[in-house]
PDB file of N, CA and C in Angstrom:
ATOM      1  N   MET A   1      39.298  84.923  -4.124  1.00  0.00           N
ATOM      2  CA  MET A   1      38.772  84.780  -2.785  1.00  0.00           C
ATOM      3  C   MET A   1      39.236  83.429  -2.241  1.00  0.00           C
ATOM      4  N   PRO A   2      39.785  83.404  -1.050  1.00  0.00           N
ATOM      5  CA  PRO A   2      40.193  82.115  -0.467  1.00  0.00           C
ATOM      6  C   PRO A   2      38.989  81.186  -0.302  1.00  0.00           C
ATOM      7  N   ALA A   3      39.242  79.886  -0.425  1.00  0.00           N
ATOM      8  CA  ALA A   3      38.168  78.886  -0.341  1.00  0.00           C
ATOM      9  C   ALA A   3      37.402  78.980   0.975  1.00  0.00           C
ATOM     10  N   TRP A   4      38.108  79.218   2.082  1.00  0.00           N
ATOM     11  CA  TRP A   4      37.433  79.268   3.377  1.00  0.00           C
ATOM     12  C   TRP A   4      36.476  80.457   3.466  1.00  0.00           C
ATOM     13  N   VAL A   5      36.794  81.550   2.778  1.00  0.00           N
ATOM     14  CA  VAL A   5      35.907  82.710   2.772  1.00  0.00           C
ATOM     15  C   VAL A   5      34.651  82.387   1.964  1.00  0.00           C
ATOM     16  N   LYS A   6      34.828  81.786   0.790  1.00  0.00           N
ATOM     17  CA  LYS A   6      33.680  81.410  -0.035  1.00  0.00           C
ATOM     18  C   LYS A   6      32.774  80.442   0.707  1.00  0.00           C
ATOM     19  N   GLU A   7      33.364  79.461   1.376  1.00  0.00           N
ATOM     20  CA  GLU A   7      32.557  78.505   2.143  1.00  0.00           C
ATOM     21  C   GLU A   7      31.755  79.209   3.230  1.00  0.00           C
ATOM     22  N   SER A   8      32.388  80.157   3.912  1.00  0.00           N
ATOM     23  CA  SER A   8      31.692  80.906   4.973  1.00  0.00           C
ATOM     24  C   SER A   8      30.555  81.740   4.408  1.00  0.00           C
ATOM     25  N   VAL A   9      30.803  82.411   3.295  1.00  0.00           N
ATOM     26  CA  VAL A   9      29.761  83.235   2.668  1.00  0.00           C
ATOM     27  C   VAL A   9      28.620  82.349   2.180  1.00  0.00           C
ATOM     28  N   ASP A  10      28.949  81.229   1.544  1.00  0.00           N
ATOM     29  CA  ASP A  10      27.905  80.299   1.076  1.00  0.00           C
ATOM     30  C   ASP A  10      27.068  79.782   2.245  1.00  0.00           C
ATOM     31  N   HIS A  11      27.730  79.474   3.355  1.00  0.00           N
ATOM     32  CA  HIS A  11      27.009  79.000   4.549  1.00  0.00           C
ATOM     33  C   HIS A  11      26.051  80.087   5.054  1.00  0.00           C
ATOM     34  N   TRP A  12      26.543  81.329   5.102  1.00  0.00           N
ATOM     35  CA  TRP A  12      25.724  82.447   5.552  1.00  0.00           C
ATOM     36  C   TRP A  12      24.519  82.655   4.627  1.00  0.00           C
ATOM     37  N   LEU A  13      24.753  82.619   3.307  1.00  0.00           N
ATOM     38  CA  LEU A  13      23.663  82.820   2.347  1.00  0.00           C
ATOM     39  C   LEU A  13      22.583  81.755   2.511  1.00  0.00           C
ATOM     40  N   ALA A  14      23.004  80.511   2.730  1.00  0.00           N
ATOM     41  CA  ALA A  14      22.033  79.425   2.910  1.00  0.00           C
ATOM     42  C   ALA A  14      21.270  79.597   4.219  1.00  0.00           C
ATOM     43  N   ALA A  15      21.986  79.899   5.303  1.00  0.00           N
ATOM     44  CA  ALA A  15      21.352  80.039   6.615  1.00  0.00           C
ATOM     45  C   ALA A  15      20.397  81.236   6.644  1.00  0.00           C
ATOM     46  N   ALA A  16      20.780  82.319   5.959  1.00  0.00           N
ATOM     47  CA  ALA A  16      19.953  83.532   5.946  1.00  0.00           C
ATOM     48  C   ALA A  16      18.879  83.480   4.863  1.00  0.00           C
ATOM     49  N   GLU A  17      18.928  82.451   4.029  1.00  0.00           N
ATOM     50  CA  GLU A  17      17.985  82.292   2.926  1.00  0.00           C
ATOM     51  C   GLU A  17      17.965  83.508   2.012  1.00  0.00           C
ATOM     52  N   LEU A  18      19.168  84.025   1.717  1.00  0.00           N
ATOM     53  CA  LEU A  18      19.287  85.194   0.843  1.00  0.00           C
ATOM     54  C   LEU A  18      19.480  84.731  -0.592  1.00  0.00           C
ATOM     55  N   LYS A  19      18.697  85.303  -1.470  1.00  0.00           N
ATOM     56  CA  LYS A  19      18.773  84.950  -2.896  1.00  0.00           C
ATOM     57  C   LYS A  19      19.276  86.125  -3.733  1.00  0.00           C
ATOM     58  N   HIS A  20      19.080  87.351  -3.252  1.00  0.00           N
ATOM     59  CA  HIS A  20      19.514  88.533  -3.992  1.00  0.00           C
ATOM     60  C   HIS A  20      19.768  89.681  -3.016  1.00  0.00           C
ATOM     61  N   GLY A  21      20.351  90.741  -3.535  1.00  0.00           N
ATOM     62  CA  GLY A  21      20.623  91.912  -2.711  1.00  0.00           C
ATOM     63  C   GLY A  21      21.954  91.801  -1.983  1.00  0.00           C
ATOM     64  N   ARG A  22      22.107  92.637  -1.023  1.00  0.00           N
ATOM     65  CA  ARG A  22      23.353  92.688  -0.261  1.00  0.00           C
ATOM     66  C   ARG A  22      23.495  91.479   0.638  1.00  0.00           C
ATOM     67  N   ILE A  23      24.737  91.063   0.816  1.00  0.00           N
ATOM     68  CA  ILE A  23      25.012  89.868   1.626  1.00  0.00           C
ATOM     69  C   ILE A  23      24.846  90.168   3.112  1.00  0.00           C
ATOM     70  N   PHE A  24      25.396  91.273   3.551  1.00  0.00           N
ATOM     71  CA  PHE A  24      25.356  91.586   4.977  1.00  0.00           C
ATOM     72  C   PHE A  24      24.084  92.347   5.300  1.00  0.00           C
ATOM     73  N   ARG A  25      23.343  91.825   6.268  1.00  0.00           N
ATOM     74  CA  ARG A  25      22.057  92.402   6.671  1.00  0.00           C
ATOM     75  C   ARG A  25      21.974  92.419   8.193  1.00  0.00           C
ATOM     76  N   ALA A  26      21.043  93.183   8.683  1.00  0.00           N
ATOM     77  CA  ALA A  26      20.757  93.170  10.112  1.00  0.00           C
ATOM     78  C   ALA A  26      20.115  91.828  10.466  1.00  0.00           C
ATOM     79  N   VAL A  27      20.371  91.358  11.683  1.00  0.00           N
ATOM     80  CA  VAL A  27      19.792  90.101  12.161  1.00  0.00           C
ATOM     81  C   VAL A  27      18.997  90.419  13.424  1.00  0.00           C
ATOM     82  N   SER A  28      17.736  89.994  13.447  1.00  0.00           N
ATOM     83  CA  SER A  28      16.887  90.247  14.608  1.00  0.00           C
ATOM     84  C   SER A  28      17.313  89.357  15.777  1.00  0.00           C
ATOM     85  N   ARG A  29      16.758  89.627  16.942  1.00  0.00           N
ATOM     86  CA  ARG A  29      17.066  88.797  18.128  1.00  0.00           C
ATOM     87  C   ARG A  29      16.581  87.368  17.957  1.00  0.00           C
ATOM     88  N   GLN A  30      15.620  87.174  17.085  1.00  0.00           N
ATOM     89  CA  GLN A  30      15.116  85.825  16.807  1.00  0.00           C
ATOM     90  C   GLN A  30      15.986  85.104  15.774  1.00  0.00           C
ATOM     91  N   GLY A  31      16.974  85.826  15.206  1.00  0.00           N
ATOM     92  CA  GLY A  31      17.905  85.207  14.266  1.00  0.00           C
ATOM     93  C   GLY A  31      17.530  85.327  12.808  1.00  0.00           C
ATOM     94  N   SER A  32      16.520  86.108  12.489  1.00  0.00           N
ATOM     95  CA  SER A  32      16.141  86.254  11.083  1.00  0.00           C
ATOM     96  C   SER A  32      16.700  87.557  10.513  1.00  0.00           C
ATOM     97  N   CYS A  33      17.007  87.523   9.220  1.00  0.00           N
ATOM     98  CA  CYS A  33      17.535  88.708   8.536  1.00  0.00           C
ATOM     99  C   CYS A  33      16.408  89.671   8.224  1.00  0.00           C
ATOM    100  N   TRP A  34      16.732  90.939   8.229  1.00  0.00           N
ATOM    101  CA  TRP A  34      15.759  91.938   7.832  1.00  0.00           C
ATOM    102  C   TRP A  34      16.498  93.126   7.232  1.00  0.00           C
ATOM    103  N   GLY A  35      15.796  93.916   6.499  1.00  0.00           N
ATOM    104  CA  GLY A  35      16.375  95.105   5.874  1.00  0.00           C
ATOM    105  C   GLY A  35      17.101  94.778   4.583  1.00  0.00           C
ATOM    106  N   ARG A  36      17.629  95.828   3.981  1.00  0.00           N
ATOM    107  CA  ARG A  36      18.312  95.681   2.689  1.00  0.00           C
ATOM    108  C   ARG A  36      19.829  95.653   2.814  1.00  0.00           C
ATOM    109  N   GLY A  37      20.344  95.929   3.942  1.00  0.00           N
ATOM    110  CA  GLY A  37      21.796  95.958   4.141  1.00  0.00           C
ATOM    111  C   GLY A  37      22.121  96.538   5.497  1.00  0.00           C
ATOM    112  N   ILE A  38      23.381  96.781   5.732  1.00  0.00           N
ATOM    113  CA  ILE A  38      23.787  97.376   7.009  1.00  0.00           C
ATOM    114  C   ILE A  38      24.335  98.778   6.750  1.00  0.00           C
ATOM    115  N   SER A  39      24.251  99.590   7.766  1.00  0.00           N
ATOM    116  CA  SER A  39      24.690 100.978   7.636  1.00  0.00           C
ATOM    117  C   SER A  39      26.157 101.103   8.030  1.00  0.00           C
ATOM    118  N   GLU A  40      26.695 102.263   7.744  1.00  0.00           N
ATOM    119  CA  GLU A  40      28.060 102.583   8.141  1.00  0.00           C
ATOM    120  C   GLU A  40      28.197 102.506   9.663  1.00  0.00           C
ATOM    121  N   ASN A  41      27.158 102.933  10.372  1.00  0.00           N
ATOM    122  CA  ASN A  41      27.190 102.884  11.837  1.00  0.00           C
ATOM    123  C   ASN A  41      27.302 101.454  12.356  1.00  0.00           C
ATOM    124  N   VAL A  42      26.650 100.512  11.691  1.00  0.00           N
ATOM    125  CA  VAL A  42      26.738  99.105  12.101  1.00  0.00           C
ATOM    126  C   VAL A  42      28.168  98.603  11.933  1.00  0.00           C
ATOM    127  N   VAL A  43      28.802  98.975  10.829  1.00  0.00           N
ATOM    128  CA  VAL A  43      30.201  98.570  10.609  1.00  0.00           C
ATOM    129  C   VAL A  43      31.080  99.119  11.733  1.00  0.00           C
ATOM    130  N   TRP A  44      30.898 100.387  12.067  1.00  0.00           N
ATOM    131  CA  TRP A  44      31.670 100.987  13.161  1.00  0.00           C
ATOM    132  C   TRP A  44      31.416 100.239  14.472  1.00  0.00           C
ATOM    133  N   TYR A  45      30.171  99.901  14.736  1.00  0.00           N
ATOM    134  CA  TYR A  45      29.816  99.196  15.961  1.00  0.00           C
ATOM    135  C   TYR A  45      30.512  97.833  16.023  1.00  0.00           C
ATOM    136  N   VAL A  46      30.489  97.088  14.929  1.00  0.00           N
ATOM    137  CA  VAL A  46      31.127  95.767  14.896  1.00  0.00           C
ATOM    138  C   VAL A  46      32.630  95.896  15.114  1.00  0.00           C
ATOM    139  N   VAL A  47      33.251  96.849  14.437  1.00  0.00           N
ATOM    140  CA  VAL A  47      34.703  97.049  14.603  1.00  0.00           C
ATOM    141  C   VAL A  47      35.019  97.428  16.042  1.00  0.00           C
ATOM    142  N   ARG A  48      34.214  98.317  16.622  1.00  0.00           N
ATOM    143  CA  ARG A  48      34.447  98.750  18.004  1.00  0.00           C
ATOM    144  C   ARG A  48      34.297  97.588  18.982  1.00  0.00           C
ATOM    145  N   GLU A  49      33.281  96.736  18.777  1.00  0.00           N
ATOM    146  CA  GLU A  49      33.080  95.565  19.637  1.00  0.00           C
ATOM    147  C   GLU A  49      34.288  94.619  19.570  1.00  0.00           C
ATOM    148  N   CYS A  50      34.758  94.355  18.367  1.00  0.00           N
ATOM    149  CA  CYS A  50      35.926  93.469  18.196  1.00  0.00           C
ATOM    150  C   CYS A  50      37.173  94.098  18.812  1.00  0.00           C
ATOM    151  N   GLU A  51      37.321  95.397  18.630  1.00  0.00           N
ATOM    152  CA  GLU A  51      38.447  96.138  19.194  1.00  0.00           C
ATOM    153  C   GLU A  51      38.484  95.977  20.714  1.00  0.00           C
ATOM    154  N   GLN A  52      37.343  96.134  21.355  1.00  0.00           N
ATOM    155  CA  GLN A  52      37.277  96.018  22.812  1.00  0.00           C
ATOM    156  C   GLN A  52      37.559  94.595  23.280  1.00  0.00           C
ATOM    157  N   ARG A  53      37.008  93.594  22.559  1.00  0.00           N
ATOM    158  CA  ARG A  53      37.251  92.198  22.931  1.00  0.00           C
ATOM    159  C   ARG A  53      38.722  91.828  22.827  1.00  0.00           C
ATOM    160  N   LEU A  54      39.427  92.454  21.869  1.00  0.00           N
ATOM    161  CA  LEU A  54      40.845  92.154  21.670  1.00  0.00           C
ATOM    162  C   LEU A  54      41.754  93.038  22.517  1.00  0.00           C
ATOM    163  N   GLY A  55      41.172  93.998  23.212  1.00  0.00           N
ATOM    164  CA  GLY A  55      41.968  94.897  24.048  1.00  0.00           C
ATOM    165  C   GLY A  55      42.764  95.914  23.246  1.00  0.00           C
ATOM    166  N   LEU A  56      42.272  96.280  22.076  1.00  0.00           N
ATOM    167  CA  LEU A  56      42.940  97.266  21.229  1.00  0.00           C
ATOM    168  C   LEU A  56      42.269  98.619  21.383  1.00  0.00           C
ATOM    169  N   GLU A  57      42.910  99.638  20.839  1.00  0.00           N
ATOM    170  CA  GLU A  57      42.334 100.979  20.893  1.00  0.00           C
ATOM    171  C   GLU A  57      42.445 101.660  19.544  1.00  0.00           C
ATOM    172  N   HIS A  58      41.483 102.502  19.257  1.00  0.00           N
ATOM    173  CA  HIS A  58      41.503 103.391  18.092  1.00  0.00           C
ATOM    174  C   HIS A  58      41.614 102.653  16.755  1.00  0.00           C
ATOM    175  N   ILE A  59      40.797 101.634  16.556  1.00  0.00           N
ATOM    176  CA  ILE A  59      40.750 100.927  15.283  1.00  0.00           C
ATOM    177  C   ILE A  59      39.518 101.408  14.522  1.00  0.00           C
ATOM    178  N   ALA A  60      39.711 101.739  13.257  1.00  0.00           N
ATOM    179  CA  ALA A  60      38.607 102.177  12.401  1.00  0.00           C
ATOM    180  C   ALA A  60      38.492 101.213  11.217  1.00  0.00           C
ATOM    181  N   PRO A  61      37.330 101.166  10.576  1.00  0.00           N
ATOM    182  CA  PRO A  61      37.180 100.288   9.413  1.00  0.00           C
ATOM    183  C   PRO A  61      38.252 100.505   8.340  1.00  0.00           C
ATOM    184  N   HIS A  62      38.656 101.749   8.118  1.00  0.00           N
ATOM    185  CA  HIS A  62      39.688 101.997   7.103  1.00  0.00           C
ATOM    186  C   HIS A  62      41.043 101.430   7.523  1.00  0.00           C
ATOM    187  N   ASP A  63      41.289 101.339   8.824  1.00  0.00           N
ATOM    188  CA  ASP A  63      42.523 100.690   9.289  1.00  0.00           C
ATOM    189  C   ASP A  63      42.545  99.235   8.835  1.00  0.00           C
ATOM    190  N   LEU A  64      41.380  98.597   8.844  1.00  0.00           N
ATOM    191  CA  LEU A  64      41.288  97.204   8.407  1.00  0.00           C
ATOM    192  C   LEU A  64      41.524  97.090   6.908  1.00  0.00           C
ATOM    193  N   ARG A  65      41.056  98.060   6.127  1.00  0.00           N
ATOM    194  CA  ARG A  65      41.321  98.059   4.682  1.00  0.00           C
ATOM    195  C   ARG A  65      42.814  98.201   4.409  1.00  0.00           C
ATOM    196  N   ARG A  66      43.461  99.122   5.134  1.00  0.00           N
ATOM    197  CA  ARG A  66      44.904  99.313   4.948  1.00  0.00           C
ATOM    198  C   ARG A  66      45.672  98.062   5.346  1.00  0.00           C
ATOM    199  N   THR A  67      45.259  97.423   6.445  1.00  0.00           N
ATOM    200  CA  THR A  67      45.912  96.191   6.883  1.00  0.00           C
ATOM    201  C   THR A  67      45.756  95.102   5.837  1.00  0.00           C
ATOM    202  N   CYS A  68      44.568  94.968   5.283  1.00  0.00           N
ATOM    203  CA  CYS A  68      44.324  93.981   4.222  1.00  0.00           C
ATOM    204  C   CYS A  68      45.249  94.256   3.042  1.00  0.00           C
ATOM    205  N   ALA A  69      45.336  95.501   2.625  1.00  0.00           N
ATOM    206  CA  ALA A  69      46.187  95.862   1.486  1.00  0.00           C
ATOM    207  C   ALA A  69      47.652  95.541   1.770  1.00  0.00           C
ATOM    208  N   LYS A  70      48.121  95.882   2.960  1.00  0.00           N
ATOM    209  CA  LYS A  70      49.525  95.622   3.301  1.00  0.00           C
ATOM    210  C   LYS A  70      49.819  94.134   3.402  1.00  0.00           C
ATOM    211  N   LEU A  71      48.888  93.352   3.936  1.00  0.00           N
ATOM    212  CA  LEU A  71      49.081  91.900   4.003  1.00  0.00           C
ATOM    213  C   LEU A  71      49.126  91.295   2.604  1.00  0.00           C
ATOM    214  N   CYS A  72      48.240  91.754   1.731  1.00  0.00           N
ATOM    215  CA  CYS A  72      48.254  91.268   0.348  1.00  0.00           C
ATOM    216  C   CYS A  72      49.581  91.598  -0.323  1.00  0.00           C
ATOM    217  N   HIS A  73      50.051  92.823  -0.130  1.00  0.00           N
ATOM    218  CA  HIS A  73      51.299  93.266  -0.761  1.00  0.00           C
ATOM    219  C   HIS A  73      52.501  92.502  -0.211  1.00  0.00           C
ATOM    220  N   SER A  74      52.561  92.320   1.099  1.00  0.00           N
ATOM    221  CA  SER A  74      53.708  91.624   1.693  1.00  0.00           C
ATOM    222  C   SER A  74      53.717  90.142   1.361  1.00  0.00           C
ATOM    223  N   ASN A  75      52.569  89.616   0.902  1.00  0.00           N
ATOM    224  CA  ASN A  75      52.497  88.207   0.502  1.00  0.00           C
ATOM    225  C   ASN A  75      52.528  88.037  -1.012  1.00  0.00           C
ATOM    226  N   GLY A  76      53.059  89.045  -1.696  1.00  0.00           N
ATOM    227  CA  GLY A  76      53.303  88.926  -3.134  1.00  0.00           C
ATOM    228  C   GLY A  76      52.207  89.461  -4.035  1.00  0.00           C
ATOM    229  N   GLY A  77      51.191  90.095  -3.477  1.00  0.00           N
ATOM    230  CA  GLY A  77      50.133  90.658  -4.311  1.00  0.00           C
ATOM    231  C   GLY A  77      50.646  91.804  -5.154  1.00  0.00           C
ATOM    232  N   GLU A  78      50.245  91.809  -6.408  1.00  0.00           N
ATOM    233  CA  GLU A  78      50.636  92.883  -7.323  1.00  0.00           C
ATOM    234  C   GLU A  78      49.847  94.152  -6.999  1.00  0.00           C
ATOM    235  N   LEU A  79      50.462  95.279  -7.227  1.00  0.00           N
ATOM    236  CA  LEU A  79      49.840  96.569  -6.937  1.00  0.00           C
ATOM    237  C   LEU A  79      48.484  96.702  -7.644  1.00  0.00           C
ATOM    238  N   GLU A  80      48.418  96.264  -8.902  1.00  0.00           N
ATOM    239  CA  GLU A  80      47.173  96.374  -9.663  1.00  0.00           C
ATOM    240  C   GLU A  80      46.086  95.461  -9.092  1.00  0.00           C
ATOM    241  N   GLN A  81      46.466  94.286  -8.581  1.00  0.00           N
ATOM    242  CA  GLN A  81      45.488  93.388  -7.956  1.00  0.00           C
ATOM    243  C   GLN A  81      44.900  94.034  -6.708  1.00  0.00           C
ATOM    244  N   ILE A  82      45.763  94.635  -5.913  1.00  0.00           N
ATOM    245  CA  ILE A  82      45.325  95.268  -4.667  1.00  0.00           C
ATOM    246  C   ILE A  82      44.451  96.484  -4.985  1.00  0.00           C
ATOM    247  N   GLN A  83      44.817  97.225  -6.026  1.00  0.00           N
ATOM    248  CA  GLN A  83      44.008  98.361  -6.472  1.00  0.00           C
ATOM    249  C   GLN A  83      42.606  97.890  -6.814  1.00  0.00           C
ATOM    250  N   PHE A  84      42.493  96.783  -7.552  1.00  0.00           N
ATOM    251  CA  PHE A  84      41.189  96.239  -7.937  1.00  0.00           C
ATOM    252  C   PHE A  84      40.422  95.771  -6.703  1.00  0.00           C
ATOM    253  N   LEU A  85      41.094  95.068  -5.793  1.00  0.00           N
ATOM    254  CA  LEU A  85      40.470  94.567  -4.573  1.00  0.00           C
ATOM    255  C   LEU A  85      39.839  95.699  -3.763  1.00  0.00           C
ATOM    256  N   LEU A  86      40.556  96.796  -3.642  1.00  0.00           N
ATOM    257  CA  LEU A  86      40.077  97.919  -2.839  1.00  0.00           C
ATOM    258  C   LEU A  86      39.132  98.841  -3.602  1.00  0.00           C
ATOM    259  N   GLY A  87      39.030  98.656  -4.917  1.00  0.00           N
ATOM    260  CA  GLY A  87      38.132  99.484  -5.717  1.00  0.00           C
ATOM    261  C   GLY A  87      38.654 100.888  -5.960  1.00  0.00           C
ATOM    262  N   HIS A  88      39.974 101.032  -5.979  1.00  0.00           N
ATOM    263  CA  HIS A  88      40.555 102.349  -6.224  1.00  0.00           C
ATOM    264  C   HIS A  88      40.605 102.643  -7.718  1.00  0.00           C
ATOM    265  N   SER A  89      40.282 103.872  -8.090  1.00  0.00           N
ATOM    266  CA  SER A  89      40.370 104.294  -9.488  1.00  0.00           C
ATOM    267  C   SER A  89      41.807 104.564  -9.893  1.00  0.00           C
ATOM    268  N   PHE A  90      42.595 105.029  -8.942  1.00  0.00           N
ATOM    269  CA  PHE A  90      43.969 105.422  -9.242  1.00  0.00           C
ATOM    270  C   PHE A  90      44.954 104.593  -8.420  1.00  0.00           C
ATOM    271  N   VAL A  91      46.024 104.171  -9.057  1.00  0.00           N
ATOM    272  CA  VAL A  91      47.033 103.364  -8.389  1.00  0.00           C
ATOM    273  C   VAL A  91      47.733 104.168  -7.280  1.00  0.00           C
ATOM    274  N   LEU A  92      47.765 105.487  -7.426  1.00  0.00           N
ATOM    275  CA  LEU A  92      48.393 106.325  -6.394  1.00  0.00           C
ATOM    276  C   LEU A  92      47.661 106.209  -5.064  1.00  0.00           C
ATOM    277  N   THR A  93      46.344 106.040  -5.111  1.00  0.00           N
ATOM    278  CA  THR A  93      45.575 105.854  -3.880  1.00  0.00           C
ATOM    279  C   THR A  93      45.991 104.565  -3.202  1.00  0.00           C
ATOM    280  N   THR A  94      46.164 103.515  -3.990  1.00  0.00           N
ATOM    281  CA  THR A  94      46.596 102.229  -3.446  1.00  0.00           C
ATOM    282  C   THR A  94      47.993 102.344  -2.853  1.00  0.00           C
ATOM    283  N   GLU A  95      48.873 103.072  -3.516  1.00  0.00           N
ATOM    284  CA  GLU A  95      50.222 103.273  -2.989  1.00  0.00           C
ATOM    285  C   GLU A  95      50.180 103.984  -1.643  1.00  0.00           C
ATOM    286  N   ARG A  96      49.264 104.940  -1.488  1.00  0.00           N
ATOM    287  CA  ARG A  96      49.135 105.624  -0.190  1.00  0.00           C
ATOM    288  C   ARG A  96      48.702 104.641   0.880  1.00  0.00           C
ATOM    289  N   TYR A  97      47.769 103.746   0.556  1.00  0.00           N
ATOM    290  CA  TYR A  97      47.333 102.727   1.509  1.00  0.00           C
ATOM    291  C   TYR A  97      48.505 101.859   1.945  1.00  0.00           C
ATOM    292  N   LEU A  98      49.367 101.529   0.991  1.00  0.00           N
ATOM    293  CA  LEU A  98      50.495 100.650   1.285  1.00  0.00           C
ATOM    294  C   LEU A  98      51.639 101.391   1.958  1.00  0.00           C
ATOM    295  N   GLY A  99      51.607 102.715   1.887  1.00  0.00           N
ATOM    296  CA  GLY A  99      52.698 103.490   2.467  1.00  0.00           C
ATOM    297  C   GLY A  99      53.937 103.429   1.609  1.00  0.00           C
ATOM    298  N   SER A 100      53.760 103.137   0.322  1.00  0.00           N
ATOM    299  CA  SER A 100      54.905 103.082  -0.580  1.00  0.00           C
ATOM    300  C   SER A 100      54.672 104.035  -1.732  1.00  0.00           C
ATOM    301  N   LYS A 101      55.758 104.457  -2.323  1.00  0.00           N
ATOM    302  CA  LYS A 101      55.665 105.350  -3.462  1.00  0.00           C
ATOM    303  C   LYS A 101      56.642 104.884  -4.521  1.00  0.00           C
ATOM    304  N   GLN A 102      56.346 105.251  -5.742  1.00  0.00           N
ATOM    305  CA  GLN A 102      57.324 105.012  -6.786  1.00  0.00           C
ATOM    306  C   GLN A 102      58.436 106.022  -6.599  1.00  0.00           C
ATOM    307  N   ASN A 103      59.648 105.597  -6.907  1.00  0.00           N
ATOM    308  CA  ASN A 103      60.788 106.482  -6.752  1.00  0.00           C
ATOM    309  C   ASN A 103      61.336 106.834  -8.126  1.00  0.00           C
ATOM    310  N   PRO A 104      60.934 107.980  -8.694  1.00  0.00           N
ATOM    311  CA  PRO A 104      61.391 108.327 -10.040  1.00  0.00           C
ATOM    312  C   PRO A 104      62.884 108.612 -10.115  1.00  0.00           C
ATOM    313  N   GLU A 105      63.528 108.912  -8.964  1.00  0.00           N
ATOM    314  CA  GLU A 105      64.967 109.162  -8.983  1.00  0.00           C
ATOM    315  C   GLU A 105      65.777 107.869  -9.079  1.00  0.00           C
ATOM    316  N   GLU A 106      65.156 106.731  -8.752  1.00  0.00           N
ATOM    317  CA  GLU A 106      65.839 105.442  -8.837  1.00  0.00           C
ATOM    318  C   GLU A 106      64.893 104.427  -9.503  1.00  0.00           C
ATOM    319  N   PRO A 107      64.719 104.547 -10.816  1.00  0.00           N
ATOM    320  CA  PRO A 107      63.802 103.635 -11.506  1.00  0.00           C
ATOM    321  C   PRO A 107      64.258 102.188 -11.391  1.00  0.00           C
ATOM    322  N   VAL A 108      63.303 101.284 -11.281  1.00  0.00           N
ATOM    323  CA  VAL A 108      63.601  99.871 -11.096  1.00  0.00           C
ATOM    324  C   VAL A 108      64.378  99.308 -12.285  1.00  0.00           C
ATOM    325  N   ASN A 109      64.124  99.807 -13.477  1.00  0.00           N
ATOM    326  CA  ASN A 109      64.828  99.289 -14.648  1.00  0.00           C
ATOM    327  C   ASN A 109      66.286  99.718 -14.703  1.00  0.00           C
ATOM    328  N   ASP A 110      66.707 100.647 -13.860  1.00  0.00           N
ATOM    329  CA  ASP A 110      68.122 101.013 -13.802  1.00  0.00           C
ATOM    330  C   ASP A 110      68.943  99.996 -13.017  1.00  0.00           C
ATOM    331  N   ARG A 111      68.278  99.045 -12.380  1.00  0.00           N
ATOM    332  CA  ARG A 111      68.988  98.056 -11.559  1.00  0.00           C
ATOM    333  C   ARG A 111      69.658  96.969 -12.380  1.00  0.00           C
ATOM    334  N   PHE A 112      69.257  96.816 -13.618  1.00  0.00           N
ATOM    335  CA  PHE A 112      69.928  95.831 -14.449  1.00  0.00           C
ATOM    336  C   PHE A 112      70.639  96.539 -15.595  1.00  0.00           C
ATOM    337  N   GLY A 113      71.707  95.930 -16.037  1.00  0.00           N
ATOM    338  CA  GLY A 113      72.525  96.524 -17.092  1.00  0.00           C
ATOM    339  C   GLY A 113      71.961  96.211 -18.462  1.00  0.00           C
ATOM    340  N   PRO A 114      72.741  96.497 -19.487  1.00  0.00           N
ATOM    341  CA  PRO A 114      72.285  96.189 -20.842  1.00  0.00           C
ATOM    342  C   PRO A 114      72.121  94.680 -21.020  1.00  0.00           C
ATOM    343  N   LEU A 115      71.187  94.280 -21.850  1.00  0.00           N
ATOM    344  CA  LEU A 115      70.926  92.868 -22.070  1.00  0.00           C
ATOM    345  C   LEU A 115      72.000  92.227 -22.937  1.00  0.00           C
ATOM    346  N   TYR A 116      72.701  93.004 -23.688  1.00  0.00           N
ATOM    347  CA  TYR A 116      73.808  92.481 -24.482  1.00  0.00           C
ATOM    348  C   TYR A 116      74.874  93.554 -24.555  1.00  0.00           C
ATOM    349  N   LYS A 117      76.093  93.125 -24.783  1.00  0.00           N
ATOM    350  CA  LYS A 117      77.192  94.084 -24.901  1.00  0.00           C
ATOM    351  C   LYS A 117      77.370  94.460 -26.355  1.00  0.00           C
ATOM    352  N   ARG A 118      77.404  95.678 -26.609  1.00  0.00           N
ATOM    353  CA  ARG A 118      77.598  96.166 -27.969  1.00  0.00           C
ATOM    354  C   ARG A 118      79.090  96.328 -28.211  1.00  0.00           C
ATOM    355  N   GLU A 119      79.566  95.732 -29.254  1.00  0.00           N
ATOM    356  CA  GLU A 119      80.984  95.845 -29.608  1.00  0.00           C
ATOM    357  C   GLU A 119      81.223  97.184 -30.289  1.00  0.00           C
ATOM    358  N   THR A 120      82.410  97.691 -30.121  1.00  0.00           N
ATOM    359  CA  THR A 120      82.762  98.960 -30.744  1.00  0.00           C
ATOM    360  C   THR A 120      82.669  98.873 -32.270  1.00  0.00           C
ATOM    361  N   SER A 121      82.984  97.681 -32.814  1.00  0.00           N
ATOM    362  CA  SER A 121      82.929  97.517 -34.264  1.00  0.00           C
ATOM    363  C   SER A 121      81.506  97.538 -34.783  1.00  0.00           C
ATOM    364  N   ASP A 122      80.518  97.327 -33.895  1.00  0.00           N
ATOM    365  CA  ASP A 122      79.116  97.340 -34.310  1.00  0.00           C
ATOM    366  C   ASP A 122      78.600  98.746 -34.543  1.00  0.00           C
ATOM    367  N   ILE A 123      79.323  99.709 -34.040  1.00  0.00           N
ATOM    368  CA  ILE A 123      78.874 101.089 -34.156  1.00  0.00           C
ATOM    369  C   ILE A 123      79.403 101.652 -35.473  1.00  0.00           C
ATOM    370  N   ARG A 124      78.530 102.061 -36.327  1.00  0.00           N
ATOM    371  CA  ARG A 124      78.942 102.634 -37.612  1.00  0.00           C
ATOM    372  C   ARG A 124      78.966 104.143 -37.501  1.00  0.00           C
ATOM    373  N   ARG A 125      79.976 104.664 -38.054  1.00  0.00           N
ATOM    374  CA  ARG A 125      80.080 106.136 -38.064  1.00  0.00           C
ATOM    375  C   ARG A 125      79.817 106.598 -39.471  1.00  0.00           C
ATOM    376  N   THR A 126      79.051 107.603 -39.565  1.00  0.00           N
ATOM    377  CA  THR A 126      78.756 108.141 -40.900  1.00  0.00           C
ATOM    378  C   THR A 126      79.461 109.435 -41.146  1.00  0.00           C
TER     379      THR A 126
END
């Protein structure tokens, strides 16, 4: 987790006086936290509000997950790290998020030649 994210979460936990349970909660008009967490509808509402403020259209929470995965991958993140981040059981699901697939017709290990040259005299015939 980037340091700035941890600092923000720590600040939120202190301000909300949360000691256990889910981090994200509903906030009353008076500024106090209530409930045990937020619903899927709240997530949609927040994404829609941000979408409108930015002048974008048709953004869904899963679009943000895919964007996160692609940014991680384009900045050198390993496929297995991204799989863990997104909580995917199968690496194929992560590959779908990234829009990439393994290419069995052109394996990556075929790109390099033999590590050493074998001399003809090294080959024994029986």
